[in-house]
Amino acid sequence: MPIARFSPFELLLLKSRSQVDTATLLLLAWVLVHRQHVSEGQRRRRLAQVTAQFRHGHELGPVMSIAHSQDLQAIQLAAEVVRKECGTERCLSVIHQAITVATDDGELSLANHYILRFLADLLSVAPMTLNTLFKELTGTSLTTPEDPSRDAYWKTHDPDYHARKAREAEAAERQHQQANAQAEQQQRKKEQRHQQKQQKQQEKQQRQEQARQAREHERQRQREQTRQQEQNRQQQQREQAEREQQRRSRDHSSQQRSRQQDSYHQEQRNRQQRASPPPPDRTTRALSVLGLTPGATRIEVRHAYRRMAQLHHPDRFYSESEHQVALASARFQRIKNAYDYLMQTY
């Protein structure tokens, strides 16, 4: 079950020795806090003086705090306690004390005009009775309070009211203009930042586009270079194929001439072999290396060497493997040694 929460005034009533005195104390304190040109100390001393005979049994500070807070629920509760617990005489006594503390300096504040009428209504005191008590205590009638919403009131009580309001309005207008100027300045700054951001973004896009064009140009250049290299390679292959074809043609012609010469020289050697005795073995081997038979002449040896040198020279095997080049070098060396020996012998 939730615990009931009490207001500060309700707690004060629960602790009070006399709830009626505490309620009356709050009503009088409410009137005192609306006295003009009175210090807080003077209000407390006056309240203590008026309520010296009360039997509430607590400090005045909490009551003054509630009165300053303008807690109307507490005021209504205090009036209800007084009205229910006391008779008409006590209610009139409370009104009497309220008029006394409200008019000590002979002047009734505008707020207390309404407060006295409000208290009279809460305590069931008729307006005529209130007017009678007020006249008995102050010697003047309780007139109708002035309306602070009318200019006539402020012209009488505060001649500088309109000038002050004009100054306040002018100050408010200046503040409004300054606020508008600041807002416009901030808006301009915001637009400038937005424009700068857009400009930076455009510059970034331009740089990216330039970089993209540069990359595209570089790729185009590389493709062109690759195509040119491919064309050059194909041209070189065609030229090499043509040279190889020409070389093969020359080799074929040379081989035909060599075969014709070989046939002629072979026939000459055969005739010479038939006419001359067989040569020594080394000479036979040297002639065999050159593709000749015993009885060949010096001219035939020279022609055979040239033919064999063209066919077996190592430079002709430069595109072959190292083993093929080595074999060609060995054959060429044998041919050269045989030629040198035969030229010395002949």
C-alpha atoms as a PDB file:
ATOM      1  CA  MET A   1       0.000   0.000   0.000  1.00  0.00           C
ATOM      2  CA  PRO A   2       1.586   3.339  -0.983  1.00  0.00           C
ATOM      3  CA  ILE A   3       2.577   5.755   1.758  1.00  0.00           C
ATOM      4  CA  ALA A   4       0.605   9.021   1.775  1.00  0.00           C
ATOM      5  CA  ARG A   5       2.695  12.102   1.114  1.00  0.00           C
ATOM      6  CA  PHE A   6       1.944  15.230   3.155  1.00  0.00           C
ATOM      7  CA  SER A   7       2.606  18.796   2.137  1.00  0.00           C
ATOM      8  CA  PRO A   8       4.919  20.943   4.319  1.00  0.00           C
ATOM      9  CA  PHE A   9       1.907  22.705   5.850  1.00  0.00           C
ATOM     10  CA  GLU A  10       0.141  19.402   6.573  1.00  0.00           C
ATOM     11  CA  LEU A  11       3.246  18.123   8.333  1.00  0.00           C
ATOM     12  CA  LEU A  12       3.358  21.384  10.294  1.00  0.00           C
ATOM     13  CA  LEU A  13      -0.266  20.914  11.369  1.00  0.00           C
ATOM     14  CA  LEU A  14       0.469  17.349  12.493  1.00  0.00           C
ATOM     15  CA  LYS A  15       3.330  18.548  14.691  1.00  0.00           C
ATOM     16  CA  SER A  16       1.492  21.629  16.024  1.00  0.00           C
ATOM     17  CA  ARG A  17       0.129  21.826  19.574  1.00  0.00           C
ATOM     18  CA  SER A  18      -2.742  23.956  18.250  1.00  0.00           C
ATOM     19  CA  GLN A  19      -3.756  23.526  14.655  1.00  0.00           C
ATOM     20  CA  VAL A  20      -5.992  26.615  14.806  1.00  0.00           C
ATOM     21  CA  ASP A  21      -3.088  28.774  15.967  1.00  0.00           C
ATOM     22  CA  THR A  22      -0.822  27.351  13.248  1.00  0.00           C
ATOM     23  CA  ALA A  23      -3.507  28.005  10.604  1.00  0.00           C
ATOM     24  CA  THR A  24      -4.017  31.583  11.830  1.00  0.00           C
ATOM     25  CA  LEU A  25      -0.240  32.066  11.845  1.00  0.00           C
ATOM     26  CA  LEU A  26      -0.041  31.118   8.163  1.00  0.00           C
ATOM     27  CA  LEU A  27      -2.894  33.469   7.176  1.00  0.00           C
ATOM     28  CA  LEU A  28      -1.263  36.412   8.954  1.00  0.00           C
ATOM     29  CA  ALA A  29       2.155  35.534   7.501  1.00  0.00           C
ATOM     30  CA  TRP A  30       0.605  35.559   4.012  1.00  0.00           C
ATOM     31  CA  VAL A  31      -0.603  39.113   4.607  1.00  0.00           C
ATOM     32  CA  LEU A  32       2.787  40.202   6.012  1.00  0.00           C
ATOM     33  CA  VAL A  33       4.845  38.946   3.050  1.00  0.00           C
ATOM     34  CA  HIS A  34       2.816  41.293   0.797  1.00  0.00           C
ATOM     35  CA  ARG A  35       3.624  44.365   2.854  1.00  0.00           C
ATOM     36  CA  GLN A  36       5.662  46.869   0.830  1.00  0.00           C
ATOM     37  CA  HIS A  37       8.907  48.451   2.013  1.00  0.00           C
ATOM     38  CA  VAL A  38       9.240  45.973   4.913  1.00  0.00           C
ATOM     39  CA  SER A  39      12.287  43.762   5.481  1.00  0.00           C
ATOM     40  CA  GLU A  40      12.082  40.092   6.259  1.00  0.00           C
ATOM     41  CA  GLY A  41      13.288  40.652   9.780  1.00  0.00           C
ATOM     42  CA  GLN A  42      10.602  43.243  10.400  1.00  0.00           C
ATOM     43  CA  ARG A  43       7.958  40.834   9.087  1.00  0.00           C
ATOM     44  CA  ARG A  44       9.070  38.080  11.458  1.00  0.00           C
ATOM     45  CA  ARG A  45       9.219  40.403  14.450  1.00  0.00           C
ATOM     46  CA  ARG A  46       5.753  41.755  13.678  1.00  0.00           C
ATOM     47  CA  LEU A  47       4.375  38.220  13.252  1.00  0.00           C
ATOM     48  CA  ALA A  48       5.924  37.129  16.564  1.00  0.00           C
ATOM     49  CA  GLN A  49       4.450  40.192  18.277  1.00  0.00           C
ATOM     50  CA  VAL A  50       0.924  39.591  16.956  1.00  0.00           C
ATOM     51  CA  THR A  51       0.993  35.829  17.756  1.00  0.00           C
ATOM     52  CA  ALA A  52       2.727  36.027  21.112  1.00  0.00           C
ATOM     53  CA  GLN A  53      -0.186  34.315  22.880  1.00  0.00           C
ATOM     54  CA  PHE A  54      -0.448  31.452  20.358  1.00  0.00           C
ATOM     55  CA  ARG A  55       0.230  27.877  21.481  1.00  0.00           C
ATOM     56  CA  HIS A  56       1.481  26.347  18.227  1.00  0.00           C
ATOM     57  CA  GLY A  57       4.816  25.242  19.667  1.00  0.00           C
ATOM     58  CA  HIS A  58       7.020  25.528  16.529  1.00  0.00           C
ATOM     59  CA  GLU A  59       9.309  28.056  14.820  1.00  0.00           C
ATOM     60  CA  LEU A  60       8.065  30.850  12.557  1.00  0.00           C
ATOM     61  CA  GLY A  61      10.548  30.078   9.782  1.00  0.00           C
ATOM     62  CA  PRO A  62       8.622  27.193   8.157  1.00  0.00           C
ATOM     63  CA  VAL A  63       5.410  29.239   8.203  1.00  0.00           C
ATOM     64  CA  MET A  64       7.116  32.217   6.521  1.00  0.00           C
ATOM     65  CA  SER A  65       8.581  29.872   3.887  1.00  0.00           C
ATOM     66  CA  ILE A  66       5.130  28.483   3.046  1.00  0.00           C
ATOM     67  CA  ALA A  67       3.715  32.043   2.885  1.00  0.00           C
ATOM     68  CA  HIS A  68       6.499  33.135   0.504  1.00  0.00           C
ATOM     69  CA  SER A  69       5.866  30.102  -1.726  1.00  0.00           C
ATOM     70  CA  GLN A  70       2.298  31.374  -2.439  1.00  0.00           C
ATOM     71  CA  ASP A  71       0.866  27.903  -1.748  1.00  0.00           C
ATOM     72  CA  LEU A  72      -2.878  28.597  -2.179  1.00  0.00           C
ATOM     73  CA  GLN A  73      -3.777  25.038  -1.213  1.00  0.00           C
ATOM     74  CA  ALA A  74      -2.088  25.595   2.150  1.00  0.00           C
ATOM     75  CA  ILE A  75      -3.917  28.963   2.537  1.00  0.00           C
ATOM     76  CA  GLN A  76      -7.263  27.362   1.781  1.00  0.00           C
ATOM     77  CA  LEU A  77      -6.519  24.500   4.190  1.00  0.00           C
ATOM     78  CA  ALA A  78      -5.595  27.003   6.934  1.00  0.00           C
ATOM     79  CA  ALA A  79      -8.837  28.969   6.408  1.00  0.00           C
ATOM     80  CA  GLU A  80     -10.828  25.720   6.434  1.00  0.00           C
ATOM     81  CA  VAL A  81      -9.233  24.674   9.762  1.00  0.00           C
ATOM     82  CA  VAL A  82     -10.078  28.048  11.322  1.00  0.00           C
ATOM     83  CA  ARG A  83     -13.635  28.020   9.968  1.00  0.00           C
ATOM     84  CA  LYS A  84     -14.397  24.461  11.073  1.00  0.00           C
ATOM     85  CA  GLU A  85     -12.697  24.524  14.462  1.00  0.00           C
ATOM     86  CA  CYS A  86     -13.819  27.983  15.563  1.00  0.00           C
ATOM     87  CA  GLY A  87     -16.900  30.102  15.495  1.00  0.00           C
ATOM     88  CA  THR A  88     -17.713  33.368  13.845  1.00  0.00           C
ATOM     89  CA  GLU A  89     -15.979  35.401  16.533  1.00  0.00           C
ATOM     90  CA  ARG A  90     -12.638  33.717  15.915  1.00  0.00           C
ATOM     91  CA  CYS A  91     -13.019  34.254  12.175  1.00  0.00           C
ATOM     92  CA  LEU A  92     -13.708  37.943  12.793  1.00  0.00           C
ATOM     93  CA  SER A  93     -10.679  38.040  15.112  1.00  0.00           C
ATOM     94  CA  VAL A  94      -8.474  36.630  12.345  1.00  0.00           C
ATOM     95  CA  ILE A  95      -9.787  39.243   9.888  1.00  0.00           C
ATOM     96  CA  HIS A  96      -9.192  41.942  12.538  1.00  0.00           C
ATOM     97  CA  GLN A  97      -5.554  40.803  12.993  1.00  0.00           C
ATOM     98  CA  ALA A  98      -5.057  40.573   9.189  1.00  0.00           C
ATOM     99  CA  ILE A  99      -6.273  44.182   8.731  1.00  0.00           C
ATOM    100  CA  THR A 100      -3.963  45.290  11.537  1.00  0.00           C
ATOM    101  CA  VAL A 101      -0.776  43.730  10.113  1.00  0.00           C
ATOM    102  CA  ALA A 102      -1.730  44.885   6.564  1.00  0.00           C
ATOM    103  CA  THR A 103      -2.165  48.571   7.557  1.00  0.00           C
ATOM    104  CA  ASP A 104       0.518  49.135  10.222  1.00  0.00           C
ATOM    105  CA  ASP A 105       2.165  51.830   8.099  1.00  0.00           C
ATOM    106  CA  GLY A 106      -1.166  53.392   7.120  1.00  0.00           C
ATOM    107  CA  GLU A 107      -0.914  52.132   3.508  1.00  0.00           C
ATOM    108  CA  LEU A 108      -2.650  49.064   2.128  1.00  0.00           C
ATOM    109  CA  SER A 109      -0.785  47.402  -0.728  1.00  0.00           C
ATOM    110  CA  LEU A 110      -2.648  46.402  -3.849  1.00  0.00           C
ATOM    111  CA  ALA A 111      -1.944  42.728  -3.183  1.00  0.00           C
ATOM    112  CA  ASN A 112      -3.359  42.938   0.331  1.00  0.00           C
ATOM    113  CA  HIS A 113      -6.504  44.604  -1.068  1.00  0.00           C
ATOM    114  CA  TYR A 114      -7.251  41.313  -2.801  1.00  0.00           C
ATOM    115  CA  ILE A 115      -5.853  39.118  -0.004  1.00  0.00           C
ATOM    116  CA  LEU A 116      -8.182  40.663   2.639  1.00  0.00           C
ATOM    117  CA  ARG A 117     -11.191  40.162   0.403  1.00  0.00           C
ATOM    118  CA  PHE A 118     -10.060  36.599  -0.367  1.00  0.00           C
ATOM    119  CA  LEU A 119      -9.550  35.776   3.344  1.00  0.00           C
ATOM    120  CA  ALA A 120     -12.948  37.233   4.197  1.00  0.00           C
ATOM    121  CA  ASP A 121     -14.524  35.021   1.591  1.00  0.00           C
ATOM    122  CA  LEU A 122     -12.656  31.918   2.880  1.00  0.00           C
ATOM    123  CA  LEU A 123     -13.678  32.650   6.487  1.00  0.00           C
ATOM    124  CA  SER A 124     -17.303  33.355   5.497  1.00  0.00           C
ATOM    125  CA  VAL A 125     -17.109  37.043   6.500  1.00  0.00           C
ATOM    126  CA  ALA A 126     -19.510  39.224   4.511  1.00  0.00           C
ATOM    127  CA  PRO A 127     -18.058  42.081   2.447  1.00  0.00           C
ATOM    128  CA  MET A 128     -20.078  44.624   4.433  1.00  0.00           C
ATOM    129  CA  THR A 129     -18.681  43.276   7.703  1.00  0.00           C
ATOM    130  CA  LEU A 130     -15.167  43.466   6.226  1.00  0.00           C
ATOM    131  CA  ASN A 131     -15.744  47.111   5.249  1.00  0.00           C
ATOM    132  CA  THR A 132     -17.039  47.920   8.739  1.00  0.00           C
ATOM    133  CA  LEU A 133     -14.019  46.309  10.463  1.00  0.00           C
ATOM    134  CA  PHE A 134     -11.601  48.025   8.088  1.00  0.00           C
ATOM    135  CA  LYS A 135     -13.194  51.479   8.755  1.00  0.00           C
ATOM    136  CA  GLU A 136     -13.175  50.937  12.528  1.00  0.00           C
ATOM    137  CA  LEU A 137      -9.463  50.046  12.505  1.00  0.00           C
ATOM    138  CA  THR A 138      -8.150  52.490   9.893  1.00  0.00           C
ATOM    139  CA  GLY A 139     -10.722  55.292   9.908  1.00  0.00           C
ATOM    140  CA  THR A 140     -11.184  54.943   6.127  1.00  0.00           C
ATOM    141  CA  SER A 141     -13.432  52.777   3.999  1.00  0.00           C
ATOM    142  CA  LEU A 142     -12.086  49.770   2.098  1.00  0.00           C
ATOM    143  CA  THR A 143     -12.363  51.079  -1.411  1.00  0.00           C
ATOM    144  CA  THR A 144     -12.388  48.985  -4.531  1.00  0.00           C
ATOM    145  CA  PRO A 145      -8.788  48.105  -5.433  1.00  0.00           C
ATOM    146  CA  GLU A 146      -7.300  49.737  -8.470  1.00  0.00           C
ATOM    147  CA  ASP A 147      -6.922  47.737 -11.654  1.00  0.00           C
ATOM    148  CA  PRO A 148      -3.197  47.294 -12.460  1.00  0.00           C
ATOM    149  CA  SER A 149      -4.102  46.336 -16.004  1.00  0.00           C
ATOM    150  CA  ARG A 150      -5.096  49.953 -16.771  1.00  0.00           C
ATOM    151  CA  ASP A 151      -2.604  52.644 -17.776  1.00  0.00           C
ATOM    152  CA  ALA A 152      -4.122  55.054 -15.220  1.00  0.00           C
ATOM    153  CA  TYR A 153      -2.887  52.858 -12.392  1.00  0.00           C
ATOM    154  CA  TRP A 154       0.724  52.919 -13.568  1.00  0.00           C
ATOM    155  CA  LYS A 155       0.646  56.645 -14.374  1.00  0.00           C
ATOM    156  CA  THR A 156      -0.301  57.255 -10.739  1.00  0.00           C
ATOM    157  CA  HIS A 157       1.917  54.685  -9.022  1.00  0.00           C
ATOM    158  CA  ASP A 158       4.797  54.493 -11.474  1.00  0.00           C
ATOM    159  CA  PRO A 159       5.132  57.545 -13.786  1.00  0.00           C
ATOM    160  CA  ASP A 160       8.209  56.032 -15.366  1.00  0.00           C
ATOM    161  CA  TYR A 161       6.304  52.882 -16.300  1.00  0.00           C
ATOM    162  CA  HIS A 162       5.687  53.780 -19.949  1.00  0.00           C
ATOM    163  CA  ALA A 163       9.223  55.064 -20.460  1.00  0.00           C
ATOM    164  CA  ARG A 164      10.613  51.903 -18.878  1.00  0.00           C
ATOM    165  CA  LYS A 165       8.340  49.767 -21.019  1.00  0.00           C
ATOM    166  CA  ALA A 166       9.473  51.708 -24.076  1.00  0.00           C
ATOM    167  CA  ARG A 167      13.101  51.147 -23.114  1.00  0.00           C
ATOM    168  CA  GLU A 168      12.413  47.490 -22.522  1.00  0.00           C
ATOM    169  CA  ALA A 169      10.631  47.238 -25.858  1.00  0.00           C
ATOM    170  CA  GLU A 170      13.514  49.025 -27.573  1.00  0.00           C
ATOM    171  CA  ALA A 171      16.018  46.755 -25.845  1.00  0.00           C
ATOM    172  CA  ALA A 172      13.939  43.739 -26.839  1.00  0.00           C
ATOM    173  CA  GLU A 173      13.823  45.028 -30.435  1.00  0.00           C
ATOM    174  CA  ARG A 174      17.603  45.512 -30.432  1.00  0.00           C
ATOM    175  CA  GLN A 175      18.066  42.023 -29.069  1.00  0.00           C
ATOM    176  CA  HIS A 176      15.693  40.723 -31.726  1.00  0.00           C
ATOM    177  CA  GLN A 177      17.613  42.564 -34.437  1.00  0.00           C
ATOM    178  CA  GLN A 178      20.921  41.309 -33.050  1.00  0.00           C
ATOM    179  CA  ALA A 179      19.518  37.794 -32.937  1.00  0.00           C
ATOM    180  CA  ASN A 180      18.340  38.167 -36.546  1.00  0.00           C
ATOM    181  CA  ALA A 181      21.725  39.575 -37.555  1.00  0.00           C
ATOM    182  CA  GLN A 182      23.491  36.705 -35.843  1.00  0.00           C
ATOM    183  CA  ALA A 183      21.111  34.229 -37.462  1.00  0.00           C
ATOM    184  CA  GLU A 184      21.743  35.812 -40.886  1.00  0.00           C
ATOM    185  CA  GLN A 185      25.487  35.781 -40.262  1.00  0.00           C
ATOM    186  CA  GLN A 186      25.353  32.144 -39.235  1.00  0.00           C
ATOM    187  CA  GLN A 187      23.240  31.388 -42.297  1.00  0.00           C
ATOM    188  CA  ARG A 188      25.779  33.166 -44.519  1.00  0.00           C
ATOM    189  CA  LYS A 189      28.605  31.267 -42.868  1.00  0.00           C
ATOM    190  CA  LYS A 190      26.667  28.062 -43.353  1.00  0.00           C
ATOM    191  CA  GLU A 191      26.094  28.893 -47.026  1.00  0.00           C
ATOM    192  CA  GLN A 192      29.771  29.798 -47.431  1.00  0.00           C
ATOM    193  CA  ARG A 193      30.799  26.512 -45.853  1.00  0.00           C
ATOM    194  CA  HIS A 194      28.343  24.711 -48.114  1.00  0.00           C
ATOM    195  CA  GLN A 195      29.719  26.517 -51.170  1.00  0.00           C
ATOM    196  CA  GLN A 196      33.291  25.770 -50.101  1.00  0.00           C
ATOM    197  CA  LYS A 197      32.347  22.138 -49.587  1.00  0.00           C
ATOM    198  CA  GLN A 198      30.736  22.002 -53.031  1.00  0.00           C
ATOM    199  CA  GLN A 199      33.772  23.725 -54.572  1.00  0.00           C
ATOM    200  CA  LYS A 200      36.134  21.260 -52.895  1.00  0.00           C
ATOM    201  CA  GLN A 201      33.951  18.410 -54.076  1.00  0.00           C
ATOM    202  CA  GLN A 202      33.982  19.766 -57.638  1.00  0.00           C
ATOM    203  CA  GLU A 203      37.768  20.180 -57.498  1.00  0.00           C
ATOM    204  CA  LYS A 204      38.065  16.633 -56.204  1.00  0.00           C
ATOM    205  CA  GLN A 205      35.852  15.387 -59.035  1.00  0.00           C
ATOM    206  CA  GLN A 206      37.947  17.344 -61.544  1.00  0.00           C
ATOM    207  CA  ARG A 207      41.147  15.834 -60.151  1.00  0.00           C
ATOM    208  CA  GLN A 208      39.607  12.384 -60.312  1.00  0.00           C
ATOM    209  CA  GLU A 209      38.475  12.990 -63.896  1.00  0.00           C
ATOM    210  CA  GLN A 210      41.941  14.247 -64.857  1.00  0.00           C
ATOM    211  CA  ALA A 211      43.524  11.226 -63.186  1.00  0.00           C
ATOM    212  CA  ARG A 212      41.073   8.939 -65.018  1.00  0.00           C
ATOM    213  CA  GLN A 213      41.866  10.604 -68.352  1.00  0.00           C
ATOM    214  CA  ALA A 214      45.586  10.320 -67.620  1.00  0.00           C
ATOM    215  CA  ARG A 215      45.199   6.611 -66.834  1.00  0.00           C
ATOM    216  CA  GLU A 216      43.134   6.099 -69.980  1.00  0.00           C
ATOM    217  CA  HIS A 217      45.735   7.955 -72.032  1.00  0.00           C
ATOM    218  CA  GLU A 218      48.497   5.832 -70.494  1.00  0.00           C
ATOM    219  CA  ARG A 219      46.588   2.618 -71.247  1.00  0.00           C
ATOM    220  CA  GLN A 220      46.010   3.818 -74.833  1.00  0.00           C
ATOM    221  CA  ARG A 221      49.699   4.607 -75.167  1.00  0.00           C
ATOM    222  CA  GLN A 222      50.643   1.199 -73.814  1.00  0.00           C
ATOM    223  CA  ARG A 223      48.204  -0.521 -76.173  1.00  0.00           C
ATOM    224  CA  GLU A 224      49.643   1.454 -79.081  1.00  0.00           C
ATOM    225  CA  GLN A 225      53.167   0.598 -77.988  1.00  0.00           C
ATOM    226  CA  THR A 226      52.245  -3.072 -77.632  1.00  0.00           C
ATOM    227  CA  ARG A 227      50.630  -3.062 -81.078  1.00  0.00           C
ATOM    228  CA  GLN A 228      53.700  -1.378 -82.573  1.00  0.00           C
ATOM    229  CA  GLN A 229      55.987  -3.905 -80.878  1.00  0.00           C
ATOM    230  CA  GLU A 230      53.843  -6.748 -82.203  1.00  0.00           C
ATOM    231  CA  GLN A 231      54.001  -5.282 -85.701  1.00  0.00           C
ATOM    232  CA  ASN A 232      57.779  -4.914 -85.424  1.00  0.00           C
ATOM    233  CA  ARG A 233      58.096  -8.490 -84.169  1.00  0.00           C
ATOM    234  CA  GLN A 234      55.964  -9.784 -87.052  1.00  0.00           C
ATOM    235  CA  GLN A 235      58.005  -7.708 -89.499  1.00  0.00           C
ATOM    236  CA  GLN A 236      61.214  -9.126 -88.066  1.00  0.00           C
ATOM    237  CA  GLN A 237      59.812 -12.637 -88.299  1.00  0.00           C
ATOM    238  CA  ARG A 238      58.857 -12.061 -91.927  1.00  0.00           C
ATOM    239  CA  GLU A 239      62.305 -10.621 -92.716  1.00  0.00           C
ATOM    240  CA  GLN A 240      63.975 -13.502 -90.904  1.00  0.00           C
ATOM    241  CA  ALA A 241      61.801 -15.984 -92.794  1.00  0.00           C
ATOM    242  CA  GLU A 242      62.732 -14.272 -96.072  1.00  0.00           C
ATOM    243  CA  ARG A 243      66.434 -14.371 -95.202  1.00  0.00           C
ATOM    244  CA  GLU A 244      66.126 -18.033 -94.224  1.00  0.00           C
ATOM    245  CA  GLN A 245      64.361 -18.751 -97.488  1.00  0.00           C
ATOM    246  CA  GLN A 246      67.074 -16.916 -99.434  1.00  0.00           C
ATOM    247  CA  ARG A 247      69.762 -18.755 -97.491  1.00  0.00           C
ATOM    248  CA  ARG A 248      68.104 -22.083 -98.197  1.00  0.00           C
ATOM    249  CA  SER A 249      67.866 -21.178-101.870  1.00  0.00           C
ATOM    250  CA  ARG A 250      71.552 -20.278-101.937  1.00  0.00           C
ATOM    251  CA  ASP A 251      72.430 -23.464-100.061  1.00  0.00           C
ATOM    252  CA  HIS A 252      70.369 -25.519-102.475  1.00  0.00           C
ATOM    253  CA  SER A 253      72.094 -23.884-105.463  1.00  0.00           C
ATOM    254  CA  SER A 254      75.462 -24.351-103.817  1.00  0.00           C
ATOM    255  CA  GLN A 255      74.705 -27.973-103.063  1.00  0.00           C
ATOM    256  CA  GLN A 256      73.693 -28.572-106.666  1.00  0.00           C
ATOM    257  CA  ARG A 257      76.905 -26.990-107.878  1.00  0.00           C
ATOM    258  CA  SER A 258      78.842 -28.986-105.313  1.00  0.00           C
ATOM    259  CA  ARG A 259      77.202 -32.209-106.395  1.00  0.00           C
ATOM    260  CA  GLN A 260      77.983 -31.395-110.005  1.00  0.00           C
ATOM    261  CA  GLN A 261      81.560 -30.588-109.126  1.00  0.00           C
ATOM    262  CA  ASP A 262      81.751 -33.690-106.936  1.00  0.00           C
ATOM    263  CA  SER A 263      80.545 -35.771-109.820  1.00  0.00           C
ATOM    264  CA  TYR A 264      83.117 -34.205-112.071  1.00  0.00           C
ATOM    265  CA  HIS A 265      85.915 -34.543-109.544  1.00  0.00           C
ATOM    266  CA  GLN A 266      84.890 -38.071-108.695  1.00  0.00           C
ATOM    267  CA  GLU A 267      85.112 -39.009-112.323  1.00  0.00           C
ATOM    268  CA  GLN A 268      88.559 -37.350-112.529  1.00  0.00           C
ATOM    269  CA  ARG A 269      89.712 -39.183-109.424  1.00  0.00           C
ATOM    270  CA  ASN A 270      88.495 -42.434-110.793  1.00  0.00           C
ATOM    271  CA  ARG A 271      90.506 -41.903-113.906  1.00  0.00           C
ATOM    272  CA  GLN A 272      93.541 -40.897-111.870  1.00  0.00           C
ATOM    273  CA  GLN A 273      93.125 -43.878-109.548  1.00  0.00           C
ATOM    274  CA  ARG A 274      93.101 -46.119-112.479  1.00  0.00           C
ATOM    275  CA  ALA A 275      96.245 -44.438-113.819  1.00  0.00           C
ATOM    276  CA  SER A 276      98.255 -43.896-110.521  1.00  0.00           C
ATOM    277  CA  PRO A 277      99.310 -46.145-107.641  1.00  0.00           C
ATOM    278  CA  PRO A 278      97.410 -45.958-104.307  1.00  0.00           C
ATOM    279  CA  PRO A 279      98.633 -43.163-101.973  1.00  0.00           C
ATOM    280  CA  PRO A 280      99.777 -43.651 -98.404  1.00  0.00           C
ATOM    281  CA  ASP A 281      97.138 -44.324 -95.686  1.00  0.00           C
ATOM    282  CA  ARG A 282      97.245 -40.838 -94.087  1.00  0.00           C
ATOM    283  CA  THR A 283      96.814 -39.184 -97.427  1.00  0.00           C
ATOM    284  CA  THR A 284      93.883 -41.526 -98.128  1.00  0.00           C
ATOM    285  CA  ARG A 285      92.255 -40.596 -94.825  1.00  0.00           C
ATOM    286  CA  ALA A 286      92.753 -36.848 -95.474  1.00  0.00           C
ATOM    287  CA  LEU A 287      91.245 -37.178 -98.939  1.00  0.00           C
ATOM    288  CA  SER A 288      88.352 -39.153 -97.470  1.00  0.00           C
ATOM    289  CA  VAL A 289      87.677 -36.342 -94.976  1.00  0.00           C
ATOM    290  CA  LEU A 290      87.355 -33.922 -97.897  1.00  0.00           C
ATOM    291  CA  GLY A 291      85.206 -36.403 -99.809  1.00  0.00           C
ATOM    292  CA  LEU A 292      87.980 -37.143-102.374  1.00  0.00           C
ATOM    293  CA  THR A 293      89.580 -40.353-103.620  1.00  0.00           C
ATOM    294  CA  PRO A 294      93.270 -41.078-104.071  1.00  0.00           C
ATOM    295  CA  GLY A 295      94.698 -39.413-107.104  1.00  0.00           C
ATOM    296  CA  ALA A 296      92.872 -36.069-106.617  1.00  0.00           C
ATOM    297  CA  THR A 297      94.738 -33.000-107.835  1.00  0.00           C
ATOM    298  CA  ARG A 298      95.722 -29.956-105.781  1.00  0.00           C
ATOM    299  CA  ILE A 299      92.953 -27.910-107.416  1.00  0.00           C
ATOM    300  CA  GLU A 300      90.387 -30.563-106.518  1.00  0.00           C
ATOM    301  CA  VAL A 301      91.599 -30.557-102.905  1.00  0.00           C
ATOM    302  CA  ARG A 302      91.165 -26.757-102.716  1.00  0.00           C
ATOM    303  CA  HIS A 303      87.672 -26.886-104.207  1.00  0.00           C
ATOM    304  CA  ALA A 304      86.638 -29.732-101.921  1.00  0.00           C
ATOM    305  CA  TYR A 305      87.897 -27.857 -98.861  1.00  0.00           C
ATOM    306  CA  ARG A 306      85.932 -24.749 -99.773  1.00  0.00           C
ATOM    307  CA  ARG A 307      82.810 -26.790-100.344  1.00  0.00           C
ATOM    308  CA  MET A 308      83.184 -28.752 -97.089  1.00  0.00           C
ATOM    309  CA  ALA A 309      84.005 -25.568 -95.149  1.00  0.00           C
ATOM    310  CA  GLN A 310      80.806 -23.914 -96.364  1.00  0.00           C
ATOM    311  CA  LEU A 311      78.732 -26.944 -95.434  1.00  0.00           C
ATOM    312  CA  HIS A 312      80.254 -27.631 -91.998  1.00  0.00           C
ATOM    313  CA  HIS A 313      81.345 -24.204 -90.734  1.00  0.00           C
ATOM    314  CA  PRO A 314      80.181 -23.701 -87.030  1.00  0.00           C
ATOM    315  CA  ASP A 315      78.529 -20.366 -87.816  1.00  0.00           C
ATOM    316  CA  ARG A 316      75.867 -22.194 -89.762  1.00  0.00           C
ATOM    317  CA  PHE A 317      74.734 -23.928 -86.545  1.00  0.00           C
ATOM    318  CA  TYR A 318      74.419 -20.885 -84.287  1.00  0.00           C
ATOM    319  CA  SER A 319      70.672 -21.474 -83.840  1.00  0.00           C
ATOM    320  CA  GLU A 320      71.160 -25.139 -82.879  1.00  0.00           C
ATOM    321  CA  SER A 321      72.029 -26.561 -79.469  1.00  0.00           C
ATOM    322  CA  GLU A 322      75.485 -26.287 -77.928  1.00  0.00           C
ATOM    323  CA  HIS A 323      76.086 -29.971 -78.663  1.00  0.00           C
ATOM    324  CA  GLN A 324      75.385 -29.485 -82.366  1.00  0.00           C
ATOM    325  CA  VAL A 325      77.698 -26.453 -82.430  1.00  0.00           C
ATOM    326  CA  ALA A 326      80.462 -28.491 -80.747  1.00  0.00           C
ATOM    327  CA  LEU A 327      80.093 -31.345 -83.275  1.00  0.00           C
ATOM    328  CA  ALA A 328      80.217 -28.848 -86.157  1.00  0.00           C
ATOM    329  CA  SER A 329      83.395 -27.292 -84.710  1.00  0.00           C
ATOM    330  CA  ALA A 330      85.033 -30.736 -84.440  1.00  0.00           C
ATOM    331  CA  ARG A 331      84.100 -31.639 -88.059  1.00  0.00           C
ATOM    332  CA  PHE A 332      85.379 -28.289 -89.313  1.00  0.00           C
ATOM    333  CA  GLN A 333      88.664 -28.782 -87.443  1.00  0.00           C
ATOM    334  CA  ARG A 334      89.130 -32.251 -89.046  1.00  0.00           C
ATOM    335  CA  ILE A 335      88.425 -30.757 -92.475  1.00  0.00           C
ATOM    336  CA  LYS A 336      90.954 -27.972 -91.880  1.00  0.00           C
ATOM    337  CA  ASN A 337      93.622 -30.366 -90.603  1.00  0.00           C
ATOM    338  CA  ALA A 338      93.122 -32.642 -93.614  1.00  0.00           C
ATOM    339  CA  TYR A 339      93.331 -29.657 -95.998  1.00  0.00           C
ATOM    340  CA  ASP A 340      96.519 -28.358 -94.376  1.00  0.00           C
ATOM    341  CA  TYR A 341      98.137 -31.796 -94.539  1.00  0.00           C
ATOM    342  CA  LEU A 342      97.246 -32.349 -98.200  1.00  0.00           C
ATOM    343  CA  MET A 343      98.456 -28.876 -99.249  1.00  0.00           C
ATOM    344  CA  GLN A 344     101.802 -29.580 -97.585  1.00  0.00           C
ATOM    345  CA  THR A 345     102.011 -33.019 -99.165  1.00  0.00           C
ATOM    346  CA  TYR A 346     101.121 -31.859-102.650  1.00  0.00           C
END
